[in-house]
N, C-alpha and C. Protein backbone atom coordinates (compact mmCIF):
# COMPACT_ATOMS: atom_id res chain seq x y z
N MET A 1 0.81 -1.20 0.00
CA MET A 1 0.00 0.00 0.00
C MET A 1 0.86 1.26 0.00
N GLY A 2 2.16 1.10 0.13
CA GLY A 2 3.02 2.27 0.10
C GLY A 2 2.93 3.08 1.38
N ASN A 3 3.39 4.32 1.30
CA ASN A 3 3.34 5.21 2.46
C ASN A 3 1.92 5.67 2.70
N LEU A 4 1.50 5.58 3.95
CA LEU A 4 0.17 6.02 4.31
C LEU A 4 0.24 7.46 4.81
N LYS A 5 -0.57 8.33 4.21
CA LYS A 5 -0.54 9.74 4.56
C LYS A 5 -1.76 10.08 5.40
N ILE A 6 -1.54 10.84 6.45
CA ILE A 6 -2.65 11.26 7.32
C ILE A 6 -3.21 12.58 6.78
N THR A 7 -4.51 12.59 6.57
CA THR A 7 -5.19 13.81 6.13
C THR A 7 -6.24 14.19 7.16
N GLN A 8 -6.77 15.39 7.05
CA GLN A 8 -7.83 15.85 7.96
C GLN A 8 -9.17 15.76 7.23
N TRP A 9 -10.12 15.10 7.85
CA TRP A 9 -11.44 14.92 7.23
C TRP A 9 -12.51 15.66 8.02
N ASP A 10 -13.45 16.27 7.29
CA ASP A 10 -14.62 16.87 7.94
C ASP A 10 -15.46 15.75 8.54
N VAL A 11 -15.80 15.88 9.80
CA VAL A 11 -16.58 14.84 10.48
C VAL A 11 -17.91 14.61 9.77
N GLU A 12 -18.53 15.69 9.26
CA GLU A 12 -19.85 15.57 8.63
C GLU A 12 -19.80 14.77 7.33
N LYS A 13 -18.61 14.65 6.72
CA LYS A 13 -18.49 13.93 5.45
C LYS A 13 -18.21 12.44 5.64
N LEU A 14 -18.01 12.03 6.88
CA LEU A 14 -17.72 10.62 7.16
C LEU A 14 -19.03 9.84 7.30
N ILE A 15 -19.01 8.62 6.79
CA ILE A 15 -20.22 7.78 6.79
C ILE A 15 -19.93 6.49 7.54
N ASN A 16 -20.79 6.14 8.49
CA ASN A 16 -20.63 4.87 9.21
C ASN A 16 -20.86 3.69 8.27
N ALA A 17 -20.02 2.67 8.39
CA ALA A 17 -20.23 1.44 7.62
C ALA A 17 -21.49 0.77 8.13
N GLU A 18 -22.35 0.37 7.24
CA GLU A 18 -23.64 -0.20 7.61
C GLU A 18 -23.51 -1.54 8.33
N TYR A 19 -22.38 -2.21 8.17
CA TYR A 19 -22.18 -3.54 8.74
C TYR A 19 -21.35 -3.51 10.02
N ASN A 20 -20.85 -2.34 10.44
CA ASN A 20 -19.89 -2.29 11.55
C ASN A 20 -20.43 -3.02 12.78
N PRO A 21 -19.71 -4.05 13.27
CA PRO A 21 -20.23 -4.88 14.35
C PRO A 21 -19.92 -4.40 15.76
N ARG A 22 -19.16 -3.32 15.90
CA ARG A 22 -18.75 -2.88 17.23
C ARG A 22 -19.75 -1.89 17.81
N VAL A 23 -19.96 -1.99 19.13
CA VAL A 23 -20.82 -1.05 19.84
C VAL A 23 -20.04 -0.45 21.00
N LEU A 24 -20.49 0.69 21.47
CA LEU A 24 -19.80 1.39 22.55
C LEU A 24 -20.72 1.47 23.75
N LYS A 25 -20.34 0.80 24.83
CA LYS A 25 -21.11 0.86 26.07
C LYS A 25 -20.87 2.21 26.75
N GLU A 26 -21.73 2.54 27.71
CA GLU A 26 -21.65 3.85 28.37
C GLU A 26 -20.29 4.08 29.02
N HIS A 27 -19.79 3.08 29.76
CA HIS A 27 -18.50 3.28 30.44
C HIS A 27 -17.36 3.36 29.42
N GLN A 28 -17.49 2.66 28.28
CA GLN A 28 -16.46 2.73 27.24
C GLN A 28 -16.48 4.11 26.57
N PHE A 29 -17.68 4.66 26.37
CA PHE A 29 -17.80 6.01 25.82
C PHE A 29 -17.08 7.00 26.72
N LYS A 30 -17.31 6.88 28.03
CA LYS A 30 -16.69 7.81 28.98
C LYS A 30 -15.16 7.70 28.94
N GLN A 31 -14.66 6.46 28.91
CA GLN A 31 -13.21 6.27 28.88
C GLN A 31 -12.59 6.82 27.60
N LEU A 32 -13.25 6.57 26.46
CA LEU A 32 -12.74 7.07 25.19
C LEU A 32 -12.80 8.59 25.14
N LYS A 33 -13.89 9.15 25.65
CA LYS A 33 -14.04 10.61 25.71
C LYS A 33 -12.93 11.22 26.57
N ASP A 34 -12.69 10.63 27.74
CA ASP A 34 -11.62 11.12 28.62
C ASP A 34 -10.27 11.08 27.91
N SER A 35 -10.02 10.00 27.19
CA SER A 35 -8.75 9.83 26.50
C SER A 35 -8.57 10.88 25.42
N ILE A 36 -9.62 11.11 24.63
CA ILE A 36 -9.53 12.09 23.54
C ILE A 36 -9.40 13.51 24.11
N GLU A 37 -10.10 13.78 25.22
CA GLU A 37 -9.98 15.10 25.84
C GLU A 37 -8.58 15.33 26.38
N ARG A 38 -7.95 14.29 26.91
CA ARG A 38 -6.61 14.44 27.48
C ARG A 38 -5.51 14.51 26.42
N PHE A 39 -5.62 13.67 25.40
CA PHE A 39 -4.52 13.51 24.46
C PHE A 39 -4.85 13.90 23.02
N GLY A 40 -6.11 14.19 22.74
CA GLY A 40 -6.51 14.45 21.36
C GLY A 40 -6.74 13.14 20.63
N LEU A 41 -7.07 13.24 19.37
CA LEU A 41 -7.30 12.03 18.57
C LEU A 41 -5.96 11.60 17.98
N VAL A 42 -5.20 10.84 18.75
CA VAL A 42 -3.83 10.47 18.36
C VAL A 42 -3.80 9.23 17.46
N ASP A 43 -4.94 8.55 17.33
CA ASP A 43 -5.03 7.35 16.51
C ASP A 43 -5.96 7.66 15.33
N PRO A 44 -5.39 7.92 14.14
CA PRO A 44 -6.25 8.30 13.01
C PRO A 44 -7.25 7.21 12.66
N ILE A 45 -8.39 7.62 12.15
CA ILE A 45 -9.37 6.65 11.67
C ILE A 45 -8.96 6.21 10.28
N LEU A 46 -9.59 5.17 9.76
CA LEU A 46 -9.38 4.72 8.39
C LEU A 46 -10.63 5.02 7.60
N VAL A 47 -10.47 5.65 6.43
CA VAL A 47 -11.63 6.00 5.62
C VAL A 47 -11.39 5.51 4.18
N ASN A 48 -12.45 5.00 3.58
CA ASN A 48 -12.37 4.48 2.22
C ASN A 48 -12.59 5.62 1.22
N VAL A 49 -11.71 5.69 0.20
CA VAL A 49 -11.88 6.70 -0.84
C VAL A 49 -12.19 6.05 -2.19
N ASN A 50 -12.53 4.76 -2.15
CA ASN A 50 -12.96 4.07 -3.37
C ASN A 50 -14.19 4.77 -3.93
N LYS A 51 -14.30 4.88 -5.25
CA LYS A 51 -15.40 5.63 -5.87
C LYS A 51 -16.77 5.11 -5.46
N ASP A 52 -16.87 3.80 -5.16
CA ASP A 52 -18.16 3.23 -4.75
C ASP A 52 -18.41 3.30 -3.25
N ARG A 53 -17.36 3.63 -2.48
CA ARG A 53 -17.47 3.61 -1.01
C ARG A 53 -16.88 4.88 -0.40
N HIS A 54 -16.86 5.95 -1.14
CA HIS A 54 -16.17 7.17 -0.71
C HIS A 54 -16.74 7.72 0.59
N GLY A 55 -15.85 7.92 1.56
CA GLY A 55 -16.25 8.50 2.84
C GLY A 55 -16.68 7.50 3.89
N ILE A 56 -16.74 6.21 3.54
CA ILE A 56 -17.13 5.18 4.51
C ILE A 56 -16.00 4.94 5.50
N ILE A 57 -16.35 4.92 6.78
CA ILE A 57 -15.35 4.65 7.83
C ILE A 57 -15.06 3.15 7.84
N ILE A 58 -13.78 2.80 7.71
CA ILE A 58 -13.37 1.39 7.78
C ILE A 58 -13.04 1.03 9.23
N GLY A 59 -12.32 1.89 9.89
CA GLY A 59 -11.95 1.68 11.29
C GLY A 59 -11.97 3.01 12.02
N GLY A 60 -12.61 3.05 13.19
CA GLY A 60 -12.64 4.28 13.97
C GLY A 60 -14.03 4.85 14.16
N HIS A 61 -15.05 4.01 14.03
CA HIS A 61 -16.43 4.48 14.21
C HIS A 61 -16.64 5.11 15.59
N GLN A 62 -16.11 4.47 16.63
CA GLN A 62 -16.34 4.95 17.99
C GLN A 62 -15.58 6.26 18.22
N ARG A 63 -14.35 6.33 17.72
CA ARG A 63 -13.57 7.58 17.85
C ARG A 63 -14.26 8.72 17.13
N THR A 64 -14.82 8.43 15.95
CA THR A 64 -15.52 9.46 15.19
C THR A 64 -16.76 9.93 15.94
N PHE A 65 -17.51 8.99 16.52
CA PHE A 65 -18.72 9.31 17.27
C PHE A 65 -18.39 10.23 18.46
N VAL A 66 -17.34 9.85 19.21
CA VAL A 66 -16.96 10.64 20.38
C VAL A 66 -16.45 12.02 19.95
N ALA A 67 -15.64 12.06 18.89
CA ALA A 67 -15.12 13.34 18.39
C ALA A 67 -16.27 14.26 18.00
N GLN A 68 -17.29 13.69 17.37
CA GLN A 68 -18.47 14.48 16.98
C GLN A 68 -19.17 15.02 18.22
N LYS A 69 -19.32 14.18 19.25
CA LYS A 69 -19.96 14.61 20.50
C LYS A 69 -19.16 15.72 21.19
N LEU A 70 -17.85 15.70 20.99
CA LEU A 70 -16.98 16.72 21.59
C LEU A 70 -16.94 17.99 20.75
N GLY A 71 -17.64 17.99 19.61
CA GLY A 71 -17.70 19.19 18.78
C GLY A 71 -16.53 19.37 17.83
N MET A 72 -15.74 18.32 17.63
CA MET A 72 -14.61 18.40 16.71
C MET A 72 -15.15 18.47 15.28
N LYS A 73 -14.59 19.36 14.48
CA LYS A 73 -15.03 19.54 13.09
C LYS A 73 -14.22 18.68 12.12
N LYS A 74 -12.93 18.51 12.42
CA LYS A 74 -12.05 17.72 11.56
C LYS A 74 -11.31 16.69 12.42
N ILE A 75 -11.06 15.53 11.83
CA ILE A 75 -10.31 14.50 12.55
C ILE A 75 -9.29 13.86 11.60
N PRO A 76 -8.17 13.38 12.16
CA PRO A 76 -7.14 12.77 11.32
C PRO A 76 -7.61 11.42 10.77
N ALA A 77 -7.28 11.20 9.50
CA ALA A 77 -7.70 9.96 8.85
C ALA A 77 -6.63 9.48 7.88
N ILE A 78 -6.56 8.18 7.71
CA ILE A 78 -5.73 7.56 6.68
C ILE A 78 -6.69 7.07 5.59
N GLU A 79 -6.42 7.46 4.36
CA GLU A 79 -7.29 7.11 3.24
C GLU A 79 -6.82 5.81 2.59
N LEU A 80 -7.76 4.91 2.34
CA LEU A 80 -7.48 3.66 1.66
C LEU A 80 -8.49 3.50 0.52
N ASN A 81 -8.05 2.90 -0.57
CA ASN A 81 -8.93 2.66 -1.71
C ASN A 81 -9.22 1.16 -1.77
N LEU A 82 -10.35 0.75 -1.18
CA LEU A 82 -10.66 -0.67 -1.06
C LEU A 82 -12.04 -0.98 -1.64
N THR A 83 -12.16 -2.18 -2.19
CA THR A 83 -13.48 -2.66 -2.59
C THR A 83 -14.28 -2.93 -1.33
N LEU A 84 -15.59 -3.10 -1.46
CA LEU A 84 -16.44 -3.40 -0.31
C LEU A 84 -15.97 -4.66 0.41
N GLU A 85 -15.60 -5.69 -0.35
CA GLU A 85 -15.18 -6.96 0.27
C GLU A 85 -13.92 -6.76 1.11
N LYS A 86 -12.92 -6.04 0.55
CA LYS A 86 -11.68 -5.79 1.29
C LYS A 86 -11.93 -4.86 2.48
N GLU A 87 -12.80 -3.90 2.28
CA GLU A 87 -13.15 -2.97 3.37
C GLU A 87 -13.73 -3.73 4.55
N LYS A 88 -14.67 -4.62 4.29
CA LYS A 88 -15.30 -5.41 5.36
C LYS A 88 -14.28 -6.31 6.05
N GLU A 89 -13.41 -6.92 5.25
CA GLU A 89 -12.40 -7.80 5.83
C GLU A 89 -11.47 -7.03 6.77
N LEU A 90 -11.02 -5.86 6.32
CA LEU A 90 -10.11 -5.07 7.16
C LEU A 90 -10.82 -4.62 8.44
N ASN A 91 -12.08 -4.22 8.33
CA ASN A 91 -12.85 -3.81 9.51
C ASN A 91 -12.86 -4.92 10.56
N ILE A 92 -13.18 -6.13 10.13
CA ILE A 92 -13.25 -7.25 11.08
C ILE A 92 -11.87 -7.60 11.61
N ARG A 93 -10.87 -7.64 10.74
CA ARG A 93 -9.52 -7.98 11.19
C ARG A 93 -9.02 -6.98 12.23
N MET A 94 -9.28 -5.70 12.02
CA MET A 94 -8.83 -4.68 12.97
C MET A 94 -9.55 -4.81 14.31
N ASN A 95 -10.80 -5.19 14.29
CA ASN A 95 -11.56 -5.34 15.52
C ASN A 95 -11.23 -6.65 16.23
N LYS A 96 -10.85 -7.67 15.46
CA LYS A 96 -10.64 -9.00 16.05
C LYS A 96 -9.20 -9.25 16.46
N ASN A 97 -8.26 -8.86 15.64
CA ASN A 97 -6.85 -9.22 15.85
C ASN A 97 -6.15 -8.22 16.77
N GLN A 98 -6.56 -8.22 18.02
CA GLN A 98 -5.98 -7.24 18.95
C GLN A 98 -5.16 -7.86 20.06
N GLY A 99 -4.99 -9.18 20.05
CA GLY A 99 -4.21 -9.82 21.09
C GLY A 99 -4.92 -9.79 22.44
N GLU A 100 -4.20 -10.21 23.47
CA GLU A 100 -4.75 -10.24 24.82
C GLU A 100 -3.81 -9.52 25.76
N TRP A 101 -4.33 -9.13 26.91
CA TRP A 101 -3.51 -8.44 27.92
C TRP A 101 -2.66 -9.44 28.68
N ASP A 102 -1.43 -9.06 28.95
CA ASP A 102 -0.57 -9.81 29.86
C ASP A 102 -0.73 -9.13 31.22
N PHE A 103 -1.60 -9.71 32.06
CA PHE A 103 -1.94 -9.06 33.32
C PHE A 103 -0.76 -9.04 34.29
N GLU A 104 0.16 -9.97 34.15
CA GLU A 104 1.35 -9.96 35.01
C GLU A 104 2.22 -8.73 34.70
N SER A 105 2.39 -8.45 33.41
CA SER A 105 3.15 -7.25 33.01
C SER A 105 2.44 -5.98 33.45
N LEU A 106 1.12 -5.96 33.30
CA LEU A 106 0.37 -4.79 33.74
C LEU A 106 0.58 -4.55 35.23
N ALA A 107 0.54 -5.63 36.01
CA ALA A 107 0.71 -5.50 37.46
C ALA A 107 2.11 -5.02 37.81
N ASN A 108 3.11 -5.43 37.01
CA ASN A 108 4.50 -5.04 37.29
C ASN A 108 4.81 -3.60 36.92
N PHE A 109 4.13 -3.08 35.91
CA PHE A 109 4.50 -1.76 35.38
C PHE A 109 3.49 -0.66 35.62
N PHE A 110 2.29 -1.02 36.10
CA PHE A 110 1.25 -0.02 36.30
C PHE A 110 0.60 -0.18 37.66
N ASP A 111 0.16 0.92 38.21
CA ASP A 111 -0.60 0.91 39.45
C ASP A 111 -2.04 0.53 39.11
N GLN A 112 -2.65 -0.34 39.92
CA GLN A 112 -4.01 -0.81 39.62
C GLN A 112 -5.02 0.34 39.58
N GLU A 113 -4.86 1.33 40.45
CA GLU A 113 -5.77 2.48 40.45
C GLU A 113 -5.70 3.24 39.13
N ASP A 114 -4.47 3.36 38.59
CA ASP A 114 -4.30 4.02 37.29
C ASP A 114 -4.99 3.22 36.20
N LEU A 115 -4.81 1.89 36.24
CA LEU A 115 -5.44 1.04 35.22
C LEU A 115 -6.96 1.14 35.27
N LEU A 116 -7.52 1.24 36.47
CA LEU A 116 -8.97 1.42 36.59
C LEU A 116 -9.38 2.75 35.98
N ASP A 117 -8.56 3.77 36.20
CA ASP A 117 -8.83 5.08 35.63
C ASP A 117 -8.73 5.06 34.11
N PHE A 118 -7.85 4.19 33.57
CA PHE A 118 -7.64 4.09 32.13
C PHE A 118 -8.75 3.29 31.45
N GLY A 119 -9.62 2.62 32.24
CA GLY A 119 -10.74 1.91 31.62
C GLY A 119 -10.87 0.44 31.96
N PHE A 120 -9.92 -0.13 32.71
CA PHE A 120 -10.06 -1.53 33.12
C PHE A 120 -11.15 -1.65 34.18
N GLN A 121 -11.67 -2.87 34.36
CA GLN A 121 -12.65 -3.16 35.39
C GLN A 121 -11.96 -4.01 36.46
N GLU A 122 -12.39 -3.86 37.71
CA GLU A 122 -11.73 -4.59 38.82
C GLU A 122 -11.73 -6.10 38.63
N TYR A 123 -12.84 -6.62 38.05
CA TYR A 123 -12.93 -8.08 37.93
C TYR A 123 -11.85 -8.65 37.01
N GLU A 124 -11.19 -7.80 36.20
CA GLU A 124 -10.18 -8.29 35.27
C GLU A 124 -8.86 -8.61 35.96
N PHE A 125 -8.70 -8.19 37.21
CA PHE A 125 -7.42 -8.37 37.90
C PHE A 125 -7.42 -9.61 38.79
N GLY A 126 -6.97 -10.71 38.21
CA GLY A 126 -6.66 -11.88 39.01
C GLY A 126 -7.82 -12.56 39.71
N VAL A 127 -9.03 -12.47 39.20
CA VAL A 127 -10.12 -13.21 39.82
C VAL A 127 -10.09 -14.64 39.30
N THR A 128 -10.00 -15.59 40.22
CA THR A 128 -9.98 -17.00 39.81
C THR A 128 -11.32 -17.63 40.14
N ASP A 129 -11.55 -18.82 39.60
CA ASP A 129 -12.82 -19.52 39.85
C ASP A 129 -13.03 -19.76 41.34
N GLU A 130 -11.92 -19.96 42.08
CA GLU A 130 -12.05 -20.22 43.52
C GLU A 130 -12.60 -19.01 44.27
N GLU A 131 -12.37 -17.80 43.71
CA GLU A 131 -12.81 -16.59 44.39
C GLU A 131 -14.23 -16.18 44.03
N LEU A 132 -14.81 -16.84 43.03
CA LEU A 132 -16.16 -16.48 42.61
C LEU A 132 -17.19 -17.00 43.59
N ASP A 133 -18.22 -16.22 43.84
CA ASP A 133 -19.30 -16.62 44.71
C ASP A 133 -20.43 -17.15 43.84
N TYR A 134 -20.59 -18.48 43.82
CA TYR A 134 -21.58 -19.09 42.95
C TYR A 134 -22.93 -19.31 43.64
N SER A 135 -23.24 -18.47 44.61
CA SER A 135 -24.55 -18.60 45.25
C SER A 135 -25.64 -18.27 44.23
N ILE A 136 -26.78 -18.89 44.40
CA ILE A 136 -27.88 -18.71 43.45
C ILE A 136 -28.68 -17.50 43.84
N LEU A 137 -28.84 -16.58 42.91
CA LEU A 137 -29.67 -15.41 43.16
C LEU A 137 -31.04 -15.68 42.57
N ASP A 138 -32.02 -15.96 43.43
CA ASP A 138 -33.36 -16.21 42.89
C ASP A 138 -34.36 -15.32 43.61
N ASP A 139 -35.26 -15.88 44.40
CA ASP A 139 -36.29 -15.08 45.06
C ASP A 139 -35.85 -14.58 46.44
N GLU A 140 -34.59 -14.78 46.79
CA GLU A 140 -34.13 -14.36 48.11
C GLU A 140 -33.94 -12.84 48.13
N ASP A 141 -33.45 -12.34 49.25
CA ASP A 141 -33.25 -10.90 49.39
C ASP A 141 -31.97 -10.49 48.66
N VAL A 142 -32.07 -10.41 47.34
CA VAL A 142 -30.91 -10.10 46.52
C VAL A 142 -30.39 -8.70 46.81
N GLU A 143 -31.31 -7.76 47.01
CA GLU A 143 -30.90 -6.37 47.23
C GLU A 143 -29.98 -6.25 48.44
N GLY A 144 -30.30 -6.95 49.52
CA GLY A 144 -29.46 -6.92 50.71
C GLY A 144 -28.09 -7.49 50.44
N ASP A 145 -28.05 -8.59 49.65
CA ASP A 145 -26.77 -9.20 49.30
C ASP A 145 -25.90 -8.23 48.50
N ILE A 146 -26.52 -7.59 47.50
CA ILE A 146 -25.77 -6.70 46.62
C ILE A 146 -25.22 -5.51 47.40
N ASP A 147 -26.03 -4.96 48.31
CA ASP A 147 -25.57 -3.82 49.11
C ASP A 147 -24.34 -4.16 49.93
N GLY A 148 -24.24 -5.43 50.36
CA GLY A 148 -23.13 -5.83 51.22
C GLY A 148 -21.88 -6.24 50.47
N MET A 149 -21.94 -6.26 49.15
CA MET A 149 -20.78 -6.71 48.36
C MET A 149 -19.71 -5.63 48.27
N LYS A 150 -18.48 -6.07 48.15
CA LYS A 150 -17.39 -5.15 47.87
C LYS A 150 -17.36 -4.89 46.37
N ASP A 151 -16.82 -3.72 46.00
CA ASP A 151 -16.65 -3.44 44.57
C ASP A 151 -15.76 -4.51 43.94
N GLY A 152 -16.12 -4.91 42.74
CA GLY A 152 -15.29 -5.86 42.01
C GLY A 152 -15.62 -7.31 42.28
N VAL A 153 -16.47 -7.58 43.28
CA VAL A 153 -16.83 -8.96 43.57
C VAL A 153 -17.72 -9.48 42.46
N MET A 154 -17.59 -10.73 42.10
CA MET A 154 -18.41 -11.31 41.04
C MET A 154 -19.41 -12.27 41.64
N LYS A 155 -20.65 -12.15 41.22
CA LYS A 155 -21.70 -13.07 41.65
C LYS A 155 -22.13 -13.88 40.44
N ALA A 156 -22.57 -15.09 40.68
CA ALA A 156 -23.01 -15.95 39.59
C ALA A 156 -24.48 -16.30 39.76
N ILE A 157 -25.18 -16.40 38.66
CA ILE A 157 -26.57 -16.83 38.66
C ILE A 157 -26.62 -18.18 37.95
N MET A 158 -27.27 -19.14 38.57
CA MET A 158 -27.39 -20.45 37.95
C MET A 158 -28.46 -20.40 36.87
N ILE A 159 -28.11 -20.87 35.69
CA ILE A 159 -29.06 -20.93 34.58
C ILE A 159 -29.17 -22.39 34.16
N GLU A 160 -30.39 -22.88 34.08
CA GLU A 160 -30.61 -24.28 33.71
C GLU A 160 -30.76 -24.40 32.20
N PHE A 161 -30.17 -25.46 31.64
CA PHE A 161 -30.28 -25.74 30.21
C PHE A 161 -30.77 -27.16 30.00
N ASP A 162 -31.59 -27.35 28.99
CA ASP A 162 -31.92 -28.70 28.55
C ASP A 162 -30.63 -29.34 28.06
N LEU A 163 -30.56 -30.66 28.13
CA LEU A 163 -29.35 -31.34 27.68
C LEU A 163 -29.05 -31.02 26.22
N ASP A 164 -30.10 -30.82 25.42
CA ASP A 164 -29.92 -30.51 24.00
C ASP A 164 -29.18 -29.18 23.79
N HIS A 165 -29.32 -28.25 24.74
CA HIS A 165 -28.73 -26.92 24.59
C HIS A 165 -27.45 -26.74 25.40
N TYR A 166 -27.19 -27.64 26.34
CA TYR A 166 -26.09 -27.43 27.27
C TYR A 166 -24.73 -27.33 26.57
N GLU A 167 -24.48 -28.23 25.63
CA GLU A 167 -23.18 -28.24 24.96
C GLU A 167 -22.96 -26.94 24.18
N ASP A 168 -24.01 -26.48 23.47
CA ASP A 168 -23.89 -25.21 22.74
C ASP A 168 -23.61 -24.05 23.70
N ALA A 169 -24.35 -24.03 24.82
CA ALA A 169 -24.18 -22.95 25.79
C ALA A 169 -22.76 -22.96 26.35
N SER A 170 -22.27 -24.13 26.69
CA SER A 170 -20.93 -24.26 27.26
C SER A 170 -19.86 -23.78 26.28
N GLU A 171 -19.99 -24.19 25.01
CA GLU A 171 -19.01 -23.77 24.00
C GLU A 171 -19.05 -22.27 23.77
N LEU A 172 -20.26 -21.68 23.76
CA LEU A 172 -20.38 -20.24 23.55
C LEU A 172 -19.75 -19.46 24.70
N VAL A 173 -20.00 -19.91 25.93
CA VAL A 173 -19.42 -19.23 27.09
C VAL A 173 -17.89 -19.32 27.04
N LYS A 174 -17.35 -20.50 26.71
CA LYS A 174 -15.90 -20.65 26.60
C LYS A 174 -15.33 -19.73 25.53
N HIS A 175 -16.02 -19.66 24.39
CA HIS A 175 -15.54 -18.82 23.29
C HIS A 175 -15.47 -17.35 23.72
N PHE A 176 -16.57 -16.83 24.28
CA PHE A 176 -16.59 -15.42 24.63
C PHE A 176 -15.63 -15.09 25.77
N ARG A 177 -15.45 -16.03 26.71
CA ARG A 177 -14.45 -15.81 27.76
C ARG A 177 -13.05 -15.76 27.16
N SER A 178 -12.78 -16.62 26.16
CA SER A 178 -11.44 -16.70 25.57
C SER A 178 -11.06 -15.42 24.86
N ILE A 179 -12.04 -14.64 24.39
CA ILE A 179 -11.72 -13.38 23.70
C ILE A 179 -11.87 -12.18 24.65
N GLY A 180 -12.04 -12.48 25.93
CA GLY A 180 -12.07 -11.41 26.92
C GLY A 180 -13.41 -10.70 27.06
N ALA A 181 -14.46 -11.30 26.52
CA ALA A 181 -15.78 -10.66 26.60
C ALA A 181 -16.39 -10.85 27.98
N ASP A 182 -17.20 -9.91 28.39
CA ASP A 182 -17.95 -9.99 29.64
C ASP A 182 -19.24 -10.75 29.34
N VAL A 183 -19.21 -12.06 29.58
CA VAL A 183 -20.33 -12.93 29.21
C VAL A 183 -21.61 -12.51 29.94
N GLY A 184 -21.48 -12.16 31.20
CA GLY A 184 -22.66 -11.73 31.96
C GLY A 184 -23.31 -10.50 31.36
N LEU A 185 -22.47 -9.53 30.97
CA LEU A 185 -22.99 -8.29 30.38
C LEU A 185 -23.65 -8.57 29.03
N LEU A 186 -23.04 -9.45 28.24
CA LEU A 186 -23.63 -9.83 26.95
C LEU A 186 -25.01 -10.44 27.15
N LEU A 187 -25.12 -11.31 28.14
CA LEU A 187 -26.40 -11.96 28.43
C LEU A 187 -27.44 -10.95 28.88
N ILE A 188 -27.04 -10.03 29.75
CA ILE A 188 -27.96 -8.99 30.23
C ILE A 188 -28.49 -8.16 29.07
N GLU A 189 -27.57 -7.72 28.18
CA GLU A 189 -27.97 -6.89 27.04
C GLU A 189 -28.96 -7.64 26.14
N LYS A 190 -28.68 -8.93 25.89
CA LYS A 190 -29.57 -9.73 25.04
C LYS A 190 -30.93 -9.91 25.69
N LEU A 191 -30.95 -10.17 26.99
CA LEU A 191 -32.22 -10.35 27.70
C LEU A 191 -33.03 -9.05 27.71
N LYS A 192 -32.33 -7.91 27.84
CA LYS A 192 -33.03 -6.62 27.79
C LYS A 192 -33.68 -6.41 26.42
N GLN A 193 -32.95 -6.77 25.36
CA GLN A 193 -33.49 -6.64 24.01
C GLN A 193 -34.73 -7.51 23.84
N GLU A 194 -34.65 -8.75 24.34
CA GLU A 194 -35.80 -9.65 24.21
C GLU A 194 -36.99 -9.16 25.04
N LYS A 195 -36.71 -8.58 26.20
CA LYS A 195 -37.78 -8.06 27.07
C LYS A 195 -38.52 -6.93 26.37
N GLU A 196 -37.77 -6.08 25.64
CA GLU A 196 -38.41 -4.95 24.94
C GLU A 196 -39.34 -5.42 23.83
N LYS A 197 -39.07 -6.63 23.28
CA LYS A 197 -39.91 -7.16 22.21
C LYS A 197 -41.25 -7.70 22.72
N LEU A 198 -41.30 -8.00 24.04
CA LEU A 198 -42.52 -8.60 24.61
C LEU A 198 -43.66 -7.59 24.72
């Protein structure tokens, strides 16, 4: 692709990719906003200049959204000329191929309070299965239990599956844990969506 040149793009001329699979949760929005306010937009977005896809954001939808909310008129961008197929592939590869955190290195080189300020969650620091409280939250006085919990403590809810579904559920949970996803939060969001349909 040769040398990549950074140009300044008008925010209003940028178009969200219709297929973009990434979403920004409230706490992630706050962390990204804090970062951009402190350091500026130091990571240029990628924009397609192909004649059929001109102005489509390939990478950087969330940064563009936050920049717009902050009132920024122009943002740094790297222009690429890609077909729709290549554009979609690059979008997914950039979102997927991000590696994993080495928490031992983080603990050695950073203060945990700083990492929390940078956007990490307490549960990400060294919680093992032995430390999880697998008590069942059902019709008991859940509110009293929650009030007494320390920040960062993880609670588990038992969910029953038919044998036909158990293997699928187990594999899905393993998959999402392996990529660092918050399985509980994913489940909550999905259940909220289904509740709204009722």
